[in-house]
Amino acid sequence: MKRHTIIGCFAGVLSLATVSHGQAVPTASRAVGTIQIGLGLTTVSPDYATLYAKGISIYGDLDITSHIGAEADVHLASIITPSDIGENTYLIGPRYVFHYKRVTPYAKALFGMATIQYQQGSYGPVGHSANYGVYAFGGGLDVKATHHINVRAFDVEFQKWPDFAPHGLSPIVYTVGVAYVLR
């Protein structure tokens, strides 16, 4: 009788294992709240001249969920300006990301402020600048190089400066860069 009681208790404990969800939680899930801060080289195709303006970009991303996040960009395209007109933009907005193995394509909608800089000499004895509201739609591709380094293979923004006289301004901004990721 004692042997039957022990076998019955052992069988009861084994049958409860499937009902009690005794499996481990997956450890390979993606962390939420990833932050990346990067630096890039920028080329701007202005629609007022045929020559490209060049400069640097500083960008930061915060992925709140596995697909939804935010991005902030500062494009300083007033370093190399063959037409003596520089464009700087300061943008922030939401982005949608899709993770597939080591690559992360994304789309974004950004809003903010832009400054156009007319350099001294070509546009008068003193350089001057003007500020405008701007919005941009774009996207790109980040590639995971290491656990903490992402390479921004490309980033394209189609900007619109609606208040720029007389018909607005529509530059296209191209960026490549590298970012440090806090996971």
C-alpha atoms as a PDB file:
ATOM      1  CA  MET A   1       0.000   0.000   0.000  1.00  0.00           C
ATOM      2  CA  LYS A   2       2.826   2.360   0.851  1.00  0.00           C
ATOM      3  CA  ARG A   3       4.426   1.750  -2.564  1.00  0.00           C
ATOM      4  CA  HIS A   4       1.138   2.565  -4.384  1.00  0.00           C
ATOM      5  CA  THR A   5       0.793   5.830  -2.455  1.00  0.00           C
ATOM      6  CA  ILE A   6       4.318   6.928  -3.402  1.00  0.00           C
ATOM      7  CA  ILE A   7       3.783   6.012  -7.083  1.00  0.00           C
ATOM      8  CA  GLY A   8       0.428   7.861  -7.079  1.00  0.00           C
ATOM      9  CA  CYS A   9       1.964  11.010  -5.568  1.00  0.00           C
ATOM     10  CA  PHE A  10       4.854  10.903  -8.054  1.00  0.00           C
ATOM     11  CA  ALA A  11       2.457  10.516 -10.992  1.00  0.00           C
ATOM     12  CA  GLY A  12       0.332  13.393  -9.684  1.00  0.00           C
ATOM     13  CA  VAL A  13       3.352  15.712  -9.446  1.00  0.00           C
ATOM     14  CA  LEU A  14       4.449  14.794 -12.997  1.00  0.00           C
ATOM     15  CA  SER A  15       0.956  15.418 -14.408  1.00  0.00           C
ATOM     16  CA  LEU A  16       0.866  18.915 -12.853  1.00  0.00           C
ATOM     17  CA  ALA A  17       4.069  19.975 -14.680  1.00  0.00           C
ATOM     18  CA  THR A  18       2.261  20.563 -17.992  1.00  0.00           C
ATOM     19  CA  VAL A  19      -0.549  22.533 -16.365  1.00  0.00           C
ATOM     20  CA  SER A  20       1.699  24.712 -14.179  1.00  0.00           C
ATOM     21  CA  HIS A  21       3.655  26.236 -17.107  1.00  0.00           C
ATOM     22  CA  GLY A  22       6.937  25.126 -15.605  1.00  0.00           C
ATOM     23  CA  GLN A  23       8.982  26.209 -18.622  1.00  0.00           C
ATOM     24  CA  ALA A  24      11.497  29.035 -18.489  1.00  0.00           C
ATOM     25  CA  VAL A  25      10.677  32.460 -19.926  1.00  0.00           C
ATOM     26  CA  PRO A  26      12.492  33.031 -23.260  1.00  0.00           C
ATOM     27  CA  THR A  27      15.765  34.861 -22.701  1.00  0.00           C
ATOM     28  CA  ALA A  28      16.382  35.831 -26.325  1.00  0.00           C
ATOM     29  CA  SER A  29      13.663  38.469 -26.439  1.00  0.00           C
ATOM     30  CA  ARG A  30      14.560  42.007 -27.505  1.00  0.00           C
ATOM     31  CA  ALA A  31      15.033  44.638 -24.832  1.00  0.00           C
ATOM     32  CA  VAL A  32      12.531  47.478 -24.819  1.00  0.00           C
ATOM     33  CA  GLY A  33      13.850  50.980 -24.343  1.00  0.00           C
ATOM     34  CA  THR A  34      16.916  50.795 -26.594  1.00  0.00           C
ATOM     35  CA  ILE A  35      18.746  54.101 -27.085  1.00  0.00           C
ATOM     36  CA  GLN A  36      21.273  54.875 -29.803  1.00  0.00           C
ATOM     37  CA  ILE A  37      23.310  58.040 -30.304  1.00  0.00           C
ATOM     38  CA  GLY A  38      25.145  58.554 -33.564  1.00  0.00           C
ATOM     39  CA  LEU A  39      27.250  60.803 -35.740  1.00  0.00           C
ATOM     40  CA  GLY A  40      27.053  60.913 -39.511  1.00  0.00           C
ATOM     41  CA  LEU A  41      28.141  62.604 -42.718  1.00  0.00           C
ATOM     42  CA  THR A  42      25.385  64.533 -44.473  1.00  0.00           C
ATOM     43  CA  THR A  43      24.843  65.659 -48.036  1.00  0.00           C
ATOM     44  CA  VAL A  44      21.968  68.018 -48.876  1.00  0.00           C
ATOM     45  CA  SER A  45      20.473  68.330 -52.329  1.00  0.00           C
ATOM     46  CA  PRO A  46      18.946  71.828 -52.222  1.00  0.00           C
ATOM     47  CA  ASP A  47      16.337  72.762 -54.799  1.00  0.00           C
ATOM     48  CA  TYR A  48      17.743  76.287 -55.274  1.00  0.00           C
ATOM     49  CA  ALA A  49      21.163  75.188 -56.639  1.00  0.00           C
ATOM     50  CA  THR A  50      22.717  72.221 -58.435  1.00  0.00           C
ATOM     51  CA  LEU A  51      25.669  71.936 -56.032  1.00  0.00           C
ATOM     52  CA  TYR A  52      25.383  69.799 -52.896  1.00  0.00           C
ATOM     53  CA  ALA A  53      25.964  71.217 -49.421  1.00  0.00           C
ATOM     54  CA  LYS A  54      27.814  68.906 -47.029  1.00  0.00           C
ATOM     55  CA  GLY A  55      28.207  68.657 -43.294  1.00  0.00           C
ATOM     56  CA  ILE A  56      27.634  66.447 -40.263  1.00  0.00           C
ATOM     57  CA  SER A  57      24.610  65.055 -38.458  1.00  0.00           C
ATOM     58  CA  ILE A  58      24.016  64.101 -34.871  1.00  0.00           C
ATOM     59  CA  TYR A  59      21.102  61.762 -34.278  1.00  0.00           C
ATOM     60  CA  GLY A  60      19.494  59.887 -31.441  1.00  0.00           C
ATOM     61  CA  ASP A  61      16.863  57.158 -31.366  1.00  0.00           C
ATOM     62  CA  LEU A  62      14.724  55.817 -28.548  1.00  0.00           C
ATOM     63  CA  ASP A  63      12.830  52.600 -29.282  1.00  0.00           C
ATOM     64  CA  ILE A  64       9.951  52.529 -26.793  1.00  0.00           C
ATOM     65  CA  THR A  65       8.464  49.232 -28.021  1.00  0.00           C
ATOM     66  CA  SER A  66       9.818  46.689 -30.484  1.00  0.00           C
ATOM     67  CA  HIS A  67       8.381  48.700 -33.425  1.00  0.00           C
ATOM     68  CA  ILE A  68       7.588  52.230 -32.188  1.00  0.00           C
ATOM     69  CA  GLY A  69      10.155  54.826 -31.248  1.00  0.00           C
ATOM     70  CA  ALA A  70      11.300  58.416 -31.607  1.00  0.00           C
ATOM     71  CA  GLU A  71      14.164  60.072 -33.442  1.00  0.00           C
ATOM     72  CA  ALA A  72      15.894  63.420 -33.089  1.00  0.00           C
ATOM     73  CA  ASP A  73      18.211  64.765 -35.809  1.00  0.00           C
ATOM     74  CA  VAL A  74      20.499  67.766 -36.068  1.00  0.00           C
ATOM     75  CA  HIS A  75      21.811  68.279 -39.616  1.00  0.00           C
ATOM     76  CA  LEU A  76      24.562  70.887 -39.879  1.00  0.00           C
ATOM     77  CA  ALA A  77      24.943  71.138 -43.663  1.00  0.00           C
ATOM     78  CA  SER A  78      26.798  74.431 -43.648  1.00  0.00           C
ATOM     79  CA  ILE A  79      30.386  73.142 -43.520  1.00  0.00           C
ATOM     80  CA  ILE A  80      31.011  72.700 -47.268  1.00  0.00           C
ATOM     81  CA  THR A  81      28.726  75.031 -49.233  1.00  0.00           C
ATOM     82  CA  PRO A  82      29.718  75.575 -52.880  1.00  0.00           C
ATOM     83  CA  SER A  83      26.784  77.969 -53.407  1.00  0.00           C
ATOM     84  CA  ASP A  84      27.646  79.839 -50.146  1.00  0.00           C
ATOM     85  CA  ILE A  85      24.268  78.919 -48.630  1.00  0.00           C
ATOM     86  CA  GLY A  86      24.150  76.536 -45.682  1.00  0.00           C
ATOM     87  CA  GLU A  87      21.176  74.653 -44.271  1.00  0.00           C
ATOM     88  CA  ASN A  88      20.860  73.487 -40.672  1.00  0.00           C
ATOM     89  CA  THR A  89      17.828  71.542 -39.428  1.00  0.00           C
ATOM     90  CA  TYR A  90      16.749  70.500 -35.940  1.00  0.00           C
ATOM     91  CA  LEU A  91      14.063  67.798 -36.100  1.00  0.00           C
ATOM     92  CA  ILE A  92      12.239  65.373 -33.800  1.00  0.00           C
ATOM     93  CA  GLY A  93       9.392  62.927 -34.313  1.00  0.00           C
ATOM     94  CA  PRO A  94       8.092  59.357 -34.303  1.00  0.00           C
ATOM     95  CA  ARG A  95       9.603  56.443 -36.189  1.00  0.00           C
ATOM     96  CA  TYR A  96       8.523  52.913 -37.025  1.00  0.00           C
ATOM     97  CA  VAL A  97      11.201  50.197 -36.990  1.00  0.00           C
ATOM     98  CA  PHE A  98      11.234  46.625 -38.234  1.00  0.00           C
ATOM     99  CA  HIS A  99      13.928  44.284 -36.900  1.00  0.00           C
ATOM    100  CA  TYR A 100      15.144  41.460 -39.138  1.00  0.00           C
ATOM    101  CA  LYS A 101      18.301  39.654 -38.019  1.00  0.00           C
ATOM    102  CA  ARG A 102      21.133  42.250 -38.135  1.00  0.00           C
ATOM    103  CA  VAL A 103      19.284  44.899 -40.173  1.00  0.00           C
ATOM    104  CA  THR A 104      16.724  47.435 -39.027  1.00  0.00           C
ATOM    105  CA  PRO A 105      14.802  49.316 -41.718  1.00  0.00           C
ATOM    106  CA  TYR A 106      12.771  52.256 -40.435  1.00  0.00           C
ATOM    107  CA  ALA A 107      10.419  55.040 -41.506  1.00  0.00           C
ATOM    108  CA  LYS A 108      10.046  58.399 -39.770  1.00  0.00           C
ATOM    109  CA  ALA A 109       8.088  61.643 -39.724  1.00  0.00           C
ATOM    110  CA  LEU A 110       9.964  64.593 -38.226  1.00  0.00           C
ATOM    111  CA  PHE A 111       9.050  68.177 -37.347  1.00  0.00           C
ATOM    112  CA  GLY A 112      11.112  71.123 -36.211  1.00  0.00           C
ATOM    113  CA  MET A 113      13.086  74.193 -37.197  1.00  0.00           C
ATOM    114  CA  ALA A 114      15.478  75.015 -40.038  1.00  0.00           C
ATOM    115  CA  THR A 115      18.040  77.770 -40.470  1.00  0.00           C
ATOM    116  CA  ILE A 116      19.334  78.943 -43.812  1.00  0.00           C
ATOM    117  CA  GLN A 117      22.689  80.734 -43.672  1.00  0.00           C
ATOM    118  CA  TYR A 118      23.854  83.162 -46.350  1.00  0.00           C
ATOM    119  CA  GLN A 119      27.623  83.463 -46.076  1.00  0.00           C
ATOM    120  CA  GLN A 120      29.580  86.675 -46.000  1.00  0.00           C
ATOM    121  CA  GLY A 121      30.900  87.956 -49.327  1.00  0.00           C
ATOM    122  CA  SER A 122      28.563  86.322 -51.841  1.00  0.00           C
ATOM    123  CA  TYR A 123      25.401  87.745 -50.278  1.00  0.00           C
ATOM    124  CA  GLY A 124      26.581  91.093 -48.965  1.00  0.00           C
ATOM    125  CA  PRO A 125      29.355  92.330 -46.722  1.00  0.00           C
ATOM    126  CA  VAL A 126      27.822  90.626 -43.671  1.00  0.00           C
ATOM    127  CA  GLY A 127      26.457  87.084 -43.582  1.00  0.00           C
ATOM    128  CA  HIS A 128      22.926  86.598 -42.325  1.00  0.00           C
ATOM    129  CA  SER A 129      20.478  83.791 -41.587  1.00  0.00           C
ATOM    130  CA  ALA A 130      16.749  83.136 -41.361  1.00  0.00           C
ATOM    131  CA  ASN A 131      14.678  80.534 -39.469  1.00  0.00           C
ATOM    132  CA  TYR A 132      11.755  78.499 -40.827  1.00  0.00           C
ATOM    133  CA  GLY A 133       9.431  75.744 -39.725  1.00  0.00           C
ATOM    134  CA  VAL A 134      10.145  72.400 -41.399  1.00  0.00           C
ATOM    135  CA  TYR A 135       8.744  68.899 -41.613  1.00  0.00           C
ATOM    136  CA  ALA A 136      10.290  65.794 -43.150  1.00  0.00           C
ATOM    137  CA  PHE A 137       9.358  62.258 -44.104  1.00  0.00           C
ATOM    138  CA  GLY A 138      11.997  59.642 -44.630  1.00  0.00           C
ATOM    139  CA  GLY A 139      13.564  56.365 -43.725  1.00  0.00           C
ATOM    140  CA  GLY A 140      16.711  54.356 -43.753  1.00  0.00           C
ATOM    141  CA  LEU A 141      18.558  51.231 -42.741  1.00  0.00           C
ATOM    142  CA  ASP A 142      20.646  50.528 -39.642  1.00  0.00           C
ATOM    143  CA  VAL A 143      22.960  47.490 -39.578  1.00  0.00           C
ATOM    144  CA  LYS A 144      24.087  45.928 -36.286  1.00  0.00           C
ATOM    145  CA  ALA A 145      27.898  45.690 -36.441  1.00  0.00           C
ATOM    146  CA  THR A 146      28.485  44.631 -32.818  1.00  0.00           C
ATOM    147  CA  HIS A 147      26.347  44.442 -29.696  1.00  0.00           C
ATOM    148  CA  HIS A 148      26.841  48.177 -29.044  1.00  0.00           C
ATOM    149  CA  ILE A 149      27.623  49.579 -32.523  1.00  0.00           C
ATOM    150  CA  ASN A 150      25.118  50.221 -35.349  1.00  0.00           C
ATOM    151  CA  VAL A 151      26.101  51.435 -38.802  1.00  0.00           C
ATOM    152  CA  ARG A 152      23.592  53.733 -40.475  1.00  0.00           C
ATOM    153  CA  ALA A 153      23.931  52.386 -44.026  1.00  0.00           C
ATOM    154  CA  PHE A 154      21.710  55.151 -45.376  1.00  0.00           C
ATOM    155  CA  ASP A 155      19.138  57.662 -44.216  1.00  0.00           C
ATOM    156  CA  VAL A 156      17.044  59.826 -46.543  1.00  0.00           C
ATOM    157  CA  GLU A 157      14.795  62.731 -45.532  1.00  0.00           C
ATOM    158  CA  PHE A 158      12.465  64.547 -47.888  1.00  0.00           C
ATOM    159  CA  GLN A 159      12.159  67.916 -46.176  1.00  0.00           C
ATOM    160  CA  LYS A 160       9.609  70.639 -46.785  1.00  0.00           C
ATOM    161  CA  TRP A 161      10.096  74.250 -45.676  1.00  0.00           C
ATOM    162  CA  PRO A 162       6.603  75.647 -46.413  1.00  0.00           C
ATOM    163  CA  ASP A 163       7.279  79.224 -45.202  1.00  0.00           C
ATOM    164  CA  PHE A 164      10.354  79.774 -47.373  1.00  0.00           C
ATOM    165  CA  ALA A 165       9.378  82.490 -49.907  1.00  0.00           C
ATOM    166  CA  PRO A 166       7.902  82.404 -52.444  1.00  0.00           C
ATOM    167  CA  HIS A 167       6.989  78.696 -52.965  1.00  0.00           C
ATOM    168  CA  GLY A 168       8.708  76.864 -50.145  1.00  0.00           C
ATOM    169  CA  LEU A 169      11.894  74.841 -50.192  1.00  0.00           C
ATOM    170  CA  SER A 170      12.177  71.054 -50.638  1.00  0.00           C
ATOM    171  CA  PRO A 171      15.704  69.793 -49.969  1.00  0.00           C
ATOM    172  CA  ILE A 172      16.599  66.106 -49.781  1.00  0.00           C
ATOM    173  CA  VAL A 173      19.028  65.117 -47.010  1.00  0.00           C
ATOM    174  CA  TYR A 174      21.226  61.992 -47.230  1.00  0.00           C
ATOM    175  CA  THR A 175      23.132  60.681 -44.195  1.00  0.00           C
ATOM    176  CA  VAL A 176      25.474  57.761 -43.426  1.00  0.00           C
ATOM    177  CA  GLY A 177      26.897  57.247 -39.966  1.00  0.00           C
ATOM    178  CA  VAL A 178      27.701  55.144 -36.954  1.00  0.00           C
ATOM    179  CA  ALA A 179      25.949  54.973 -33.576  1.00  0.00           C
ATOM    180  CA  TYR A 180      26.589  53.667 -30.077  1.00  0.00           C
ATOM    181  CA  VAL A 181      23.682  51.592 -28.725  1.00  0.00           C
ATOM    182  CA  LEU A 182      22.646  51.375 -25.067  1.00  0.00           C
ATOM    183  CA  ARG A 183      20.721  48.146 -24.598  1.00  0.00           C
END
